[in-house]
Protein backbone atom coordinates (compact mmCIF):
# COMPACT_ATOMS: atom_id res chain seq x y z
CA MET A 1 104.28 97.37 115.75
CA THR A 2 104.41 93.74 114.77
CA GLY A 3 102.33 91.48 116.77
CA SER A 4 100.15 94.42 118.00
CA LYS A 5 96.37 94.19 117.33
CA ARG A 6 95.42 96.60 114.45
CA THR A 7 92.59 98.91 115.24
CA VAL A 8 89.93 99.03 112.51
CA LEU A 9 88.59 102.54 111.82
CA THR A 10 85.01 102.73 110.64
CA LEU A 11 84.40 106.42 110.68
CA GLY A 12 86.52 109.26 109.86
CA GLY A 13 87.68 111.20 106.83
CA ARG A 14 90.65 112.24 104.82
CA ALA A 15 93.68 114.11 106.11
CA VAL A 16 92.73 117.63 107.35
CA ALA A 17 95.03 120.53 107.01
CA SER A 18 95.97 122.08 110.33
CA LYS A 19 98.15 124.87 111.34
CA LEU A 20 99.45 122.43 114.01
CA ALA A 21 101.60 119.98 112.04
CA ALA A 22 102.28 117.87 114.85
CA SER A 23 98.73 117.81 116.58
CA ASP A 24 97.92 114.41 117.90
CA ASP A 25 94.50 114.05 116.22
CA LEU A 26 95.80 114.86 112.68
CA SER A 27 95.55 111.78 110.51
CA VAL A 28 96.72 111.16 106.86
CA VAL A 29 95.80 108.71 104.10
CA VAL A 30 98.79 106.55 103.62
CA GLY A 31 97.23 103.78 101.37
CA GLN A 32 94.39 102.96 99.13
CA PHE A 33 93.60 99.57 97.82
CA ASP A 34 90.83 97.21 96.87
CA VAL A 35 90.77 93.59 97.95
CA LEU A 36 88.71 90.64 96.89
CA LEU A 37 86.31 89.13 99.39
CA PRO A 38 85.55 85.33 98.73
CA CYS A 39 81.81 84.77 98.58
CA ARG A 40 79.38 82.05 97.59
CA GLN A 41 75.75 81.77 96.48
CA PHE A 42 73.54 79.21 98.06
CA ASN A 43 69.98 77.92 97.19
CA VAL A 44 68.06 77.76 100.43
CA ARG A 45 64.75 75.89 100.51
CA HIS A 46 62.69 77.32 103.18
CA LYS A 47 59.09 77.89 104.42
CA VAL A 48 57.58 81.26 105.21
CA ALA A 49 54.60 82.13 107.36
CA VAL A 50 52.42 84.64 105.53
CA VAL A 51 49.90 86.54 107.49
CA GLY A 52 46.57 85.62 106.01
CA GLN A 53 43.50 87.67 105.20
CA VAL A 54 39.99 86.90 106.24
CA SER A 55 36.98 88.96 106.16
CA LEU A 56 36.25 91.21 109.24
CA THR A 57 33.08 89.32 109.98
CA THR A 58 34.88 85.89 109.99
CA GLU A 59 37.38 87.40 112.45
CA PHE A 60 34.64 88.46 114.84
CA LEU A 61 32.93 85.02 114.55
CA LEU A 62 36.11 83.40 115.47
CA ARG A 63 36.56 85.91 118.57
CA LEU A 64 32.96 85.26 119.54
CA LEU A 65 33.46 81.42 119.54
CA PHE A 66 36.79 81.78 121.40
CA SER A 67 34.92 83.70 124.21
CA VAL A 68 31.90 81.59 124.60
CA ASP A 69 33.28 78.09 123.72
CA ALA A 70 30.33 77.05 121.82
CA LEU A 71 27.28 78.64 120.05
CA SER A 72 24.59 77.44 117.85
CA GLU A 73 24.38 78.61 114.35
CA ARG A 74 21.00 80.19 114.96
CA ASP A 75 22.39 82.07 117.87
CA ALA A 76 25.27 83.34 115.88
CA GLN A 77 22.96 84.45 113.18
CA GLN A 78 20.83 86.42 115.53
CA PHE A 79 23.88 87.87 117.24
CA PHE A 80 25.18 89.26 113.91
CA GLY A 81 21.78 90.03 112.55
CA PHE A 82 22.41 88.05 109.43
CA SER A 83 20.04 86.26 107.07
CA GLU A 84 20.56 82.56 106.48
CA HIS A 85 22.30 83.25 103.08
CA GLU A 86 24.64 85.84 104.76
CA MET A 87 25.58 83.39 107.78
CA ALA A 88 26.08 80.53 105.29
CA PHE A 89 28.78 82.69 103.46
CA VAL A 90 30.52 83.48 106.67
CA LEU A 91 30.63 79.88 107.93
CA LYS A 92 31.81 78.69 104.46
CA GLU A 93 35.05 80.85 104.70
CA ALA A 94 35.64 79.72 108.33
CA GLU A 95 34.98 76.11 107.64
CA ALA A 96 37.20 76.00 104.43
CA LYS A 97 40.09 77.22 106.43
CA ALA A 98 39.29 74.58 109.18
CA TYR A 99 39.02 77.20 111.67
CA ILE A 100 35.75 75.96 113.05
CA GLU A 101 33.99 72.66 113.46
CA ARG A 102 30.36 71.53 114.08
CA HIS A 103 29.29 69.26 117.05
CA GLY A 104 25.67 68.61 116.31
CA ALA A 105 24.01 71.99 116.23
CA GLN A 106 26.86 73.67 117.97
CA LEU A 107 29.64 75.61 116.48
CA ARG A 108 33.17 75.44 118.03
CA LEU A 109 36.70 76.45 117.34
CA SER A 110 38.78 73.53 115.98
CA GLU A 111 42.10 72.76 117.52
CA TYR A 112 43.74 74.70 114.69
CA GLY A 113 41.31 77.59 115.35
CA ARG A 114 42.25 77.83 118.95
CA MET A 115 45.91 77.80 118.14
CA LEU A 116 45.30 81.15 116.39
CA PHE A 117 44.76 82.69 119.83
CA ALA A 118 47.88 81.24 121.37
CA ASP A 119 49.52 84.71 122.02
CA SER A 120 46.53 87.16 121.89
CA ASP A 121 42.84 87.45 122.32
CA LYS A 122 42.72 88.21 118.56
CA PRO A 123 43.33 85.39 115.94
CA GLN A 124 46.80 85.28 114.50
CA ILE A 125 46.05 84.09 111.06
CA TYR A 126 48.83 82.94 108.82
CA GLU A 127 49.58 80.52 106.13
CA VAL A 128 52.77 78.46 105.36
CA GLU A 129 54.33 78.78 101.92
CA LYS A 130 57.31 77.14 100.44
CA GLY A 131 60.07 79.21 98.97
CA ASN A 132 63.64 78.84 97.29
CA GLU A 133 65.96 81.75 97.65
CA ARG A 134 69.30 82.34 96.13
CA ALA A 135 71.17 83.90 98.85
CA ALA A 136 74.75 85.12 98.65
CA PHE A 137 77.08 85.21 101.75
CA ASP A 138 80.69 86.00 102.10
CA LEU A 139 82.88 83.13 103.30
CA ILE A 140 84.54 84.95 106.34
CA ALA A 141 81.70 86.68 108.31
CA LEU A 142 78.73 84.63 106.53
CA ALA A 143 77.01 88.01 106.08
CA PRO A 144 75.00 88.83 102.94
CA ALA A 145 77.05 89.87 99.87
CA GLU A 146 76.18 91.49 96.57
CA ARG A 147 77.33 90.05 93.23
CA GLU A 148 78.75 92.61 90.77
CA TYR A 149 80.60 92.54 87.48
CA LEU A 150 84.40 92.61 87.81
CA SER A 151 86.74 93.73 85.11
CA ASP A 152 89.97 91.70 84.34
CA PHE A 153 92.05 94.26 86.39
CA GLU A 154 89.62 93.79 89.47
CA PHE A 155 89.93 90.07 89.18
CA ALA A 156 93.72 90.33 89.48
CA LEU A 157 93.60 92.33 92.84
CA PRO A 158 94.78 90.73 96.07
CA GLU A 159 92.49 88.29 97.91
CA ILE A 160 91.63 88.20 101.62
CA GLU A 161 93.14 85.22 103.16
CA LEU A 162 90.54 82.67 104.33
CA LYS A 163 91.98 81.51 107.71
CA ASP A 164 88.98 79.64 109.02
CA GLY A 165 88.76 76.62 106.68
CA GLU A 166 85.72 75.38 108.85
CA VAL A 167 83.49 78.09 107.53
CA VAL A 168 84.32 77.13 103.85
CA ALA A 169 84.07 73.33 104.48
CA ASN A 170 80.93 73.59 106.49
CA ALA A 171 79.30 76.59 104.91
CA SER A 172 76.17 74.58 103.97
CA LYS A 173 75.74 73.68 107.69
CA LEU A 174 76.31 77.23 108.79
CA VAL A 175 74.15 78.98 106.24
CA PRO A 176 70.81 78.13 107.86
CA ASP A 177 71.62 80.28 110.90
CA ALA A 178 72.98 82.99 108.69
CA PHE A 179 69.82 82.82 106.63
CA ARG A 180 67.63 83.09 109.80
CA LYS A 181 69.66 85.99 111.03
CA TYR A 182 69.47 88.03 107.78
CA PHE A 183 66.03 86.82 106.56
CA VAL A 184 64.51 90.26 106.89
CA GLU A 185 67.31 91.85 104.78
CA LEU A 186 67.39 89.01 102.22
CA VAL A 187 63.61 88.16 101.71
CA ALA A 188 61.07 89.79 103.97
CA ARG A 189 62.02 93.51 103.34
CA ARG A 190 61.87 92.98 99.60
CA GLU A 191 58.57 91.23 99.60
CA ARG A 192 57.02 93.51 102.28
CA GLU A 193 57.00 96.23 99.56
CA GLY A 194 53.97 94.36 97.96
CA GLY A 195 52.10 94.80 101.35
CA VAL A 196 52.62 91.06 102.49
CA ARG A 197 54.14 90.39 105.84
CA LYS A 198 56.29 87.26 106.00
CA SER A 199 58.33 85.48 108.76
CA LEU A 200 60.60 82.60 108.38
CA TYR A 201 58.98 79.34 109.38
CA SER A 202 61.71 76.88 108.59
CA VAL A 203 64.98 76.25 106.69
CA ASP A 204 64.57 72.83 104.90
CA GLY A 205 67.78 72.59 102.92
CA VAL A 206 70.87 74.34 101.56
CA THR A 207 72.73 73.73 98.26
CA PRO A 208 75.95 75.46 97.56
CA ASP A 209 76.11 77.27 94.30
CA GLU A 210 78.72 79.43 92.43
CA ARG A 211 81.62 81.11 94.13
CA PHE A 212 82.42 84.70 93.36
CA PHE A 213 84.33 87.72 94.71
CA ALA A 214 83.16 90.98 96.08
CA LEU A 215 85.28 94.01 96.09
CA VAL A 216 86.05 95.65 99.43
CA PRO A 217 87.54 99.28 99.19
CA VAL A 218 89.99 100.00 101.98
CA VAL A 219 91.59 103.31 102.87
CA ALA A 220 94.71 103.09 105.11
CA THR A 221 95.02 105.99 107.41
CA ALA A 222 97.67 106.76 110.13
CA PRO A 223 98.45 109.55 112.65
CA ALA A 224 100.68 112.10 111.01
CA LYS A 225 103.12 111.71 113.93
CA ARG A 226 103.27 107.95 113.40
CA PRO A 227 102.49 107.42 109.65
CA SER A 228 103.66 103.90 109.45
CA GLU A 229 101.05 102.73 111.95
CA ALA A 230 98.49 102.27 109.28
CA SER A 231 94.96 101.18 110.10
CA PRO A 232 92.25 100.23 107.64
CA MET A 233 89.16 102.43 107.28
CA LEU A 234 85.99 100.65 105.74
CA ASP A 235 83.48 103.26 105.75
CA GLY A 236 83.59 103.43 101.94
CA TRP A 237 82.29 99.80 101.87
CA LYS A 238 79.96 99.40 104.98
CA ALA A 239 79.01 101.47 107.94
CA GLY A 240 77.19 101.15 111.21
CA HIS A 241 75.43 97.94 112.08
CA GLU A 242 76.24 96.47 108.58
CA LEU A 243 79.97 96.72 109.43
CA ASP A 244 79.39 95.41 113.01
CA ASP A 245 77.97 92.24 111.24
CA ARG A 246 81.10 91.90 109.30
CA ALA A 247 83.70 92.27 112.16
CA ALA A 248 85.44 89.13 111.01
CA VAL A 249 86.00 90.82 107.45
CA ALA A 250 87.33 93.91 109.12
CA HIS A 251 89.88 92.02 111.29
CA ALA A 252 90.83 89.90 108.11
CA VAL A 253 91.48 93.28 106.29
CA ALA A 254 93.54 94.67 109.25
CA ALA A 255 95.64 91.40 109.14
CA PHE A 256 96.17 91.77 105.46
CA LEU A 257 97.40 95.48 105.98
CA ASP A 258 99.84 94.36 108.73
CA ARG A 259 101.42 91.82 106.22
CA GLN A 260 102.34 94.72 104.05
CA GLN A 261 104.68 96.04 106.61
CA GLN A 262 108.37 96.29 105.46
CA SER A 263 111.68 96.83 107.08
CA ILE A 264 113.50 99.86 106.14
CA SER A 265 116.40 99.40 103.86
CA GLY A 266 119.45 101.33 102.87
CA GLU A 267 117.84 102.15 99.49
CA ALA A 268 115.41 104.39 101.31
CA ALA A 269 118.17 106.81 102.06
CA SER A 270 119.35 106.87 98.54
CA ALA A 271 115.74 107.42 97.35
CA TYR A 272 115.36 110.40 99.65
CA ASP A 273 118.64 111.72 98.33
CA LEU A 274 117.26 111.62 94.87
CA LEU A 275 114.23 113.43 96.01
CA VAL A 276 116.34 116.24 97.47
CA GLU A 277 118.46 116.35 94.28
CA VAL A 278 115.39 116.98 92.04
CA ALA A 279 113.57 119.50 94.30
CA PRO A 280 116.27 121.13 96.56
CA ASP A 281 114.59 124.53 96.65
CA TYR A 282 111.27 123.16 97.66
CA LEU A 283 112.93 120.74 100.41
CA LYS A 284 115.60 123.18 101.67
CA GLU A 285 113.76 123.87 105.05
CA PHE A 286 113.69 120.12 105.76
CA ILE A 287 117.30 119.47 104.95
CA THR A 288 119.67 118.70 107.78
CA ARG A 289 123.29 117.54 107.90
CA THR A 290 122.18 113.95 107.68
CA GLY A 291 119.68 114.59 104.84
CA LEU A 292 116.06 115.05 104.59
CA SER A 293 114.21 115.26 107.89
CA VAL A 294 111.60 112.60 106.68
CA GLY A 295 109.22 112.68 109.79
CA ARG A 296 109.04 116.44 109.96
CA TYR A 297 108.47 116.77 106.18
CA CYS A 298 105.70 114.16 106.34
CA ALA A 299 104.00 115.80 109.28
CA GLU A 300 104.26 119.37 107.62
CA THR A 301 102.96 117.91 104.30
CA ALA A 302 100.02 116.26 105.92
CA ALA A 303 99.03 119.63 107.67
CA ARG A 304 99.43 121.74 104.54
CA ALA A 305 96.58 122.44 102.17
CA GLY A 306 98.75 121.30 99.23
CA GLU A 307 97.08 123.67 96.64
CA PHE A 308 98.88 124.68 93.57
CA ARG A 309 99.28 128.22 92.52
CA VAL A 310 101.18 130.04 89.65
CA ASP A 311 103.84 130.97 92.13
CA ARG A 312 103.74 127.56 93.81
CA PRO A 313 104.38 124.97 91.11
CA THR A 314 105.46 122.19 93.59
CA ILE A 315 103.53 120.62 96.38
CA GLY A 316 104.32 117.87 98.79
CA LEU A 317 102.41 114.55 98.72
CA VAL A 318 101.57 111.82 101.14
CA GLY A 319 99.78 108.74 100.15
CA PRO A 320 99.35 107.10 96.78
CA LEU A 321 99.57 109.14 93.69
CA TYR A 322 96.26 107.46 92.46
CA SER A 323 94.27 108.30 95.60
CA SER A 324 91.18 110.27 94.98
CA SER A 325 92.71 113.49 96.44
CA ASN A 326 96.20 113.11 94.96
CA ALA A 327 94.73 112.26 91.47
CA GLY A 328 92.91 115.58 91.76
CA HIS A 329 96.16 117.20 92.58
CA LEU A 330 97.67 115.54 89.42
CA ALA A 331 94.99 116.84 87.11
CA GLU A 332 95.38 120.29 88.59
CA ALA A 333 99.18 120.23 87.80
CA MET A 334 98.45 119.09 84.26
CA ASP A 335 96.04 121.92 83.83
CA HIS A 336 98.71 124.36 84.90
CA ALA A 337 101.28 122.78 82.64
CA ALA A 338 98.91 122.85 79.71
CA ARG A 339 99.12 126.48 79.57
CA ARG A 340 102.67 126.21 78.15
CA GLY A 341 101.35 123.99 75.62
CA PRO A 342 100.21 120.40 75.16
CA PRO A 343 102.45 117.50 76.13
CA ALA A 344 104.16 115.98 73.17
CA SER A 345 105.96 113.10 74.63
CA PRO A 346 104.88 109.75 76.27
CA ALA A 347 104.66 109.42 80.12
CA ILE A 348 106.56 106.76 82.08
CA TRP A 349 105.44 105.56 85.47
CA VAL A 350 108.07 103.73 87.50
CA ALA A 351 106.35 101.52 90.03
CA PRO A 352 108.00 100.68 93.44
CA GLN A 353 108.71 97.14 94.25
CA SER A 354 105.68 96.52 96.36
CA PRO A 355 103.08 93.84 95.71
CA LEU A 356 100.23 96.09 96.87
CA TRP A 357 101.32 99.06 94.66
CA GLY A 358 98.56 99.88 92.25
CA ALA A 359 96.10 97.37 93.76
CA SER A 360 93.32 99.93 93.69
CA ARG A 361 90.68 100.85 91.11
CA GLY A 362 92.17 104.36 91.40
CA LEU A 363 95.12 103.34 89.29
CA PRO A 364 93.21 102.41 85.96
CA LYS A 365 91.21 105.57 86.44
CA VAL A 366 94.35 107.77 86.56
CA LEU A 367 95.89 105.91 83.67
CA GLU A 368 92.67 106.55 81.63
CA GLN A 369 92.83 110.28 82.66
CA LEU A 370 96.60 110.38 81.48
CA ARG A 371 95.87 108.71 78.24
CA GLY A 372 93.18 111.12 77.32
CA ARG A 373 95.28 114.25 78.25
CA LEU A 374 98.42 113.03 76.55
CA HIS A 375 96.71 111.80 73.33
CA GLY A 376 94.50 114.69 72.75
CA ALA A 377 93.17 115.22 69.31
CA ASP A 378 96.29 114.21 67.42
CA THR A 379 95.49 110.78 65.90
CA ASP A 380 99.03 110.44 64.59
CA LEU A 381 100.23 109.78 68.12
CA PRO A 382 100.35 106.26 69.65
CA SER A 383 97.01 105.38 71.36
CA ASP A 384 98.63 104.50 74.63
CA ARG A 385 101.03 107.06 75.67
CA VAL A 386 101.60 105.85 79.28
CA MET A 387 104.57 103.31 79.74
CA GLY A 388 104.88 101.45 83.06
CA LEU A 389 108.33 100.41 84.34
CA VAL A 390 108.52 97.90 87.11
CA ALA A 391 111.47 96.17 88.89
CA GLY A 392 111.30 92.37 88.50
CA LYS A 393 108.27 90.32 87.49
CA PRO A 394 105.27 92.64 87.64
CA PRO A 395 102.15 91.49 89.64
CA THR A 396 99.17 90.50 87.44
CA HIS A 397 97.02 93.65 88.24
CA LEU A 398 99.87 95.86 86.77
CA ARG A 399 100.02 93.77 83.63
CA ARG A 400 96.25 94.32 83.24
CA ALA A 401 96.44 98.06 84.02
CA PHE A 402 99.27 99.04 81.78
CA THR A 403 99.01 98.38 78.06
CA THR A 404 102.79 98.71 77.93
CA LEU A 405 104.80 97.45 80.79
CA VAL A 406 108.65 97.27 80.81
CA GLU A 407 110.63 95.23 83.23
CA LEU A 408 113.69 96.79 84.70
CA PRO A 409 116.64 94.48 84.85
CA SER A 410 118.52 93.66 88.03
CA SER A 411 121.30 96.10 86.97
CA SER A 412 118.94 99.08 87.26
CA GLU A 413 120.31 101.80 89.64
CA LEU A 414 116.85 103.00 90.46
CA PRO A 415 116.04 102.31 94.20
CA THR A 416 113.27 99.79 94.35
CA CYS A 417 111.31 101.93 96.88
CA LEU A 418 111.19 104.88 94.40
CA GLU A 419 108.08 105.81 92.40
CA VAL A 420 108.47 108.34 89.46
CA LEU A 421 105.75 109.66 87.11
CA LEU A 422 107.32 111.73 84.38
CA ILE A 423 105.60 113.66 81.49
CA PRO A 424 108.62 115.29 80.05
CA GLY A 425 108.44 119.09 79.89
CA ASN A 426 105.04 118.92 81.59
CA VAL A 427 104.60 117.24 85.01
CA ALA A 428 106.63 115.08 87.44
CA ALA A 429 105.95 113.16 90.61
CA VAL A 430 108.66 111.49 92.74
CA LEU A 431 107.64 109.52 95.86
CA VAL A 432 109.54 107.19 98.22
CA HIS A 433 107.84 104.32 99.76
CA ALA A 434 109.36 103.37 102.99
CA PRO A 435 108.55 103.19 106.69
CA ILE A 436 108.80 106.48 108.51
CA GLY A 437 110.01 106.77 112.16
CA THR A 438 110.34 103.12 112.74
CA ARG A 439 112.57 100.24 111.42
CA ARG A 440 109.68 98.28 110.28
CA GLY A 441 106.08 99.47 109.34
CA PHE A 442 103.81 100.43 106.56
CA PRO A 443 105.64 101.88 103.62
CA VAL A 444 104.37 105.37 103.42
CA PRO A 445 104.54 107.15 99.91
CA LEU A 446 106.09 110.57 100.54
CA GLY A 447 107.41 113.04 97.86
CA ILE A 448 106.56 115.77 95.56
CA LEU A 449 104.32 116.64 92.79
CA THR A 450 105.40 119.52 90.32
CA PHE A 451 104.84 121.30 87.06
CA ASP A 452 108.00 123.50 87.56
CA THR A 453 109.94 123.10 84.36
CA SER A 454 113.37 123.03 86.05
CA VAL A 455 112.28 120.31 88.50
CA VAL A 456 110.64 118.31 85.68
CA GLU A 457 113.94 118.69 83.67
CA ARG A 458 115.94 117.39 86.81
CA VAL A 459 113.71 114.48 87.03
CA ALA A 460 114.23 113.56 83.47
CA LEU A 461 118.02 113.90 83.76
CA MET A 462 117.97 111.71 86.81
CA MET A 463 116.01 108.99 84.99
CA THR A 464 118.46 109.19 81.96
CA ARG A 465 121.39 108.77 84.35
CA LEU A 466 119.84 105.83 86.29
CA LEU A 467 117.76 103.79 83.68
CA PRO A 468 119.76 100.89 82.02
CA ASN A 469 120.89 101.05 78.42
CA GLN A 470 118.25 98.56 77.17
CA LEU A 471 114.83 97.71 78.52
CA ARG A 472 112.70 94.73 77.39
CA SER A 473 108.84 94.95 77.25
CA HIS A 474 107.26 92.43 79.40
CA GLY A 475 105.72 89.46 77.57
CA ASP A 476 107.17 90.05 74.07
CA VAL A 477 110.45 90.81 72.37
CA GLU A 478 109.95 94.55 72.08
CA MET A 479 113.01 96.44 73.09
CA TYR A 480 113.40 100.02 74.22
CA THR A 481 116.63 101.84 74.56
CA ARG A 482 117.31 104.52 77.18
CA ASP A 483 118.14 107.12 74.46
CA VAL A 484 114.74 106.47 72.91
CA LEU A 485 112.90 107.08 76.21
CA TYR A 486 114.99 110.12 77.18
CA PRO A 487 116.98 112.83 75.31
CA LYS A 488 120.76 112.84 75.17
CA ALA A 489 120.94 116.64 75.52
CA ALA A 490 120.64 117.95 79.09
CA GLY A 491 117.43 119.75 79.61
CA ASP A 492 115.76 118.38 76.48
CA ALA A 493 112.52 117.09 77.70
CA ASN A 494 110.89 115.71 74.52
CA LEU A 495 110.62 112.00 74.04
CA ASN A 496 110.15 110.18 70.66
CA HIS A 497 108.40 106.93 71.33
CA GLN A 498 109.84 104.34 69.13
CA SER A 499 110.34 100.64 69.18
CA SER A 500 112.21 97.94 67.31
CA THR A 501 111.52 94.30 67.03
C-alpha cells in the first residue's frame, strides 16, 4: 500500500447494506475528519470593460457612418427625418463619447469609433472602469476560497501540508492568472445581477493581505474486503468542476490520509481479545481457534443494517463513533437505555493513541449531545459529565473538545489502539483501531455498540481491572482515583464523580 498513488473519490455515498457481505462494490466509511486548508486574501487592482449604453438612434447613426464612410449632417438629418434640434441632440451624444468627428461639413467615424466595429458590423460599445477586489485563494490550488468563522477547536485541527513553497513565496505573481481564470466567479457573476455585463480588461497589481484557514471535510471510505485501503471522499466540500479546479488540494488530502497509515502491533491482538471478552455472545460466530476473525467480522458488519431492536441490544460498528451514521446509532442506543431510567453517572471516553482521532467537527457535536443527555434537568449534577482519557500527551484539538481530560500514565494496561465509551449502567462502545488484512494500512475502527446491561457491566469491570490506581487531570493538579471512577463491587455500574486537590 505504501508508495501507491491514492485514488481520490469525488462521488459516492455511505456504506450500503448488502446481503452479499463480500461483494466487490461494497464500501464502508472508515474515517471522518476535517483539515485546515491554508488560504490568503489579496487586494487585486484591476480594470473592467463595461458594456456601454447609448440610444438606439446613436447606434444607427454609427452603423450608417460605418457603411458609407462619410455623410453630411444635412443628409443624415434627412435620412432619419429629424428636425435640426433632434439631429443636434443625437450628434451631441456621439461626439461626447468621441465616436464621430467632423471633417468640414462631413461626419465621419473617429478612429475610436471604427474600433467599435472590430469584430462585428454592430458597434461594440464599452467603457473601462478601475476596480479593487479583495479576493481569497487557497495556497495549494490557487482556487477561490471562502472565509468563515472557526472555533478554538476548529483552529486546532490538522493542517494540510504545503509542499510547493513556490506557490506561497510567489503567490502575488501567480494570483493575476488565477484572478483572470476565476474573474466571472469572483466579480462578474455578482455584479451581473444588477444588469451590468463586465469583462476583465487588465490586472494592474496584487497586494497580499491576511492569511486564514478554510475547513475541508473529508470522509475516508474503503472496500469492505480491503478496509485499510482508505481513500478520501470530498463531495461534502466541493463537487463537479469546482473539485476539478482544486485537484492539487484533493491530492494533498490523499497524501495526508496516506500518512495516517500504521503498522499493526501486538497490542491489536490484545485489544481484539478484550472486545471478545466483553461481548462473547454477540461475536461468537466470528470466533475461531486463533481468536476473532477480524476481516470477516468487518465485512459482515459493513453489510448489515445495524439497527437496534429490543431483542437486539448490541450492534457492530465500523468507522468513527462520532461519524454522522454512528452518532445516530449512539443516540438510538441511549434512547433504548433511557427506558430503564436516566443515567446517573458520568461517562468516560478513552481515546486511542492516534493523532487523527477526534479531528472532526463530529466529536464536539457528540460530546454536546452526551452532556445534554447525561445532565438532564438535575442541576445538582456536575455541568460536564463526560471525561476524556488519553494515553500520553493529548493533541490540542482534544484538549479543546473535552472540558475534563485525564492523561493515562505509561503504566496503563489499556492497549493504546483501544477506544471505549462507557456510560455505566446505560451504554457502552468498544472499538479497536488497527489495520485489517495487512501489516500496514489505515487503522480501521471496528467494534460494538450496546445498551445490553450485561455487556455494559463487563466493560465497566474491564476498565476497573485495567485502569491505573491514580490518574492526573491534564493541565492541573486534580487527581482521580480508579475507585472513584469505577465501583469496587462487581456489577455495580454507578459512578460517583469526585475529585480532590
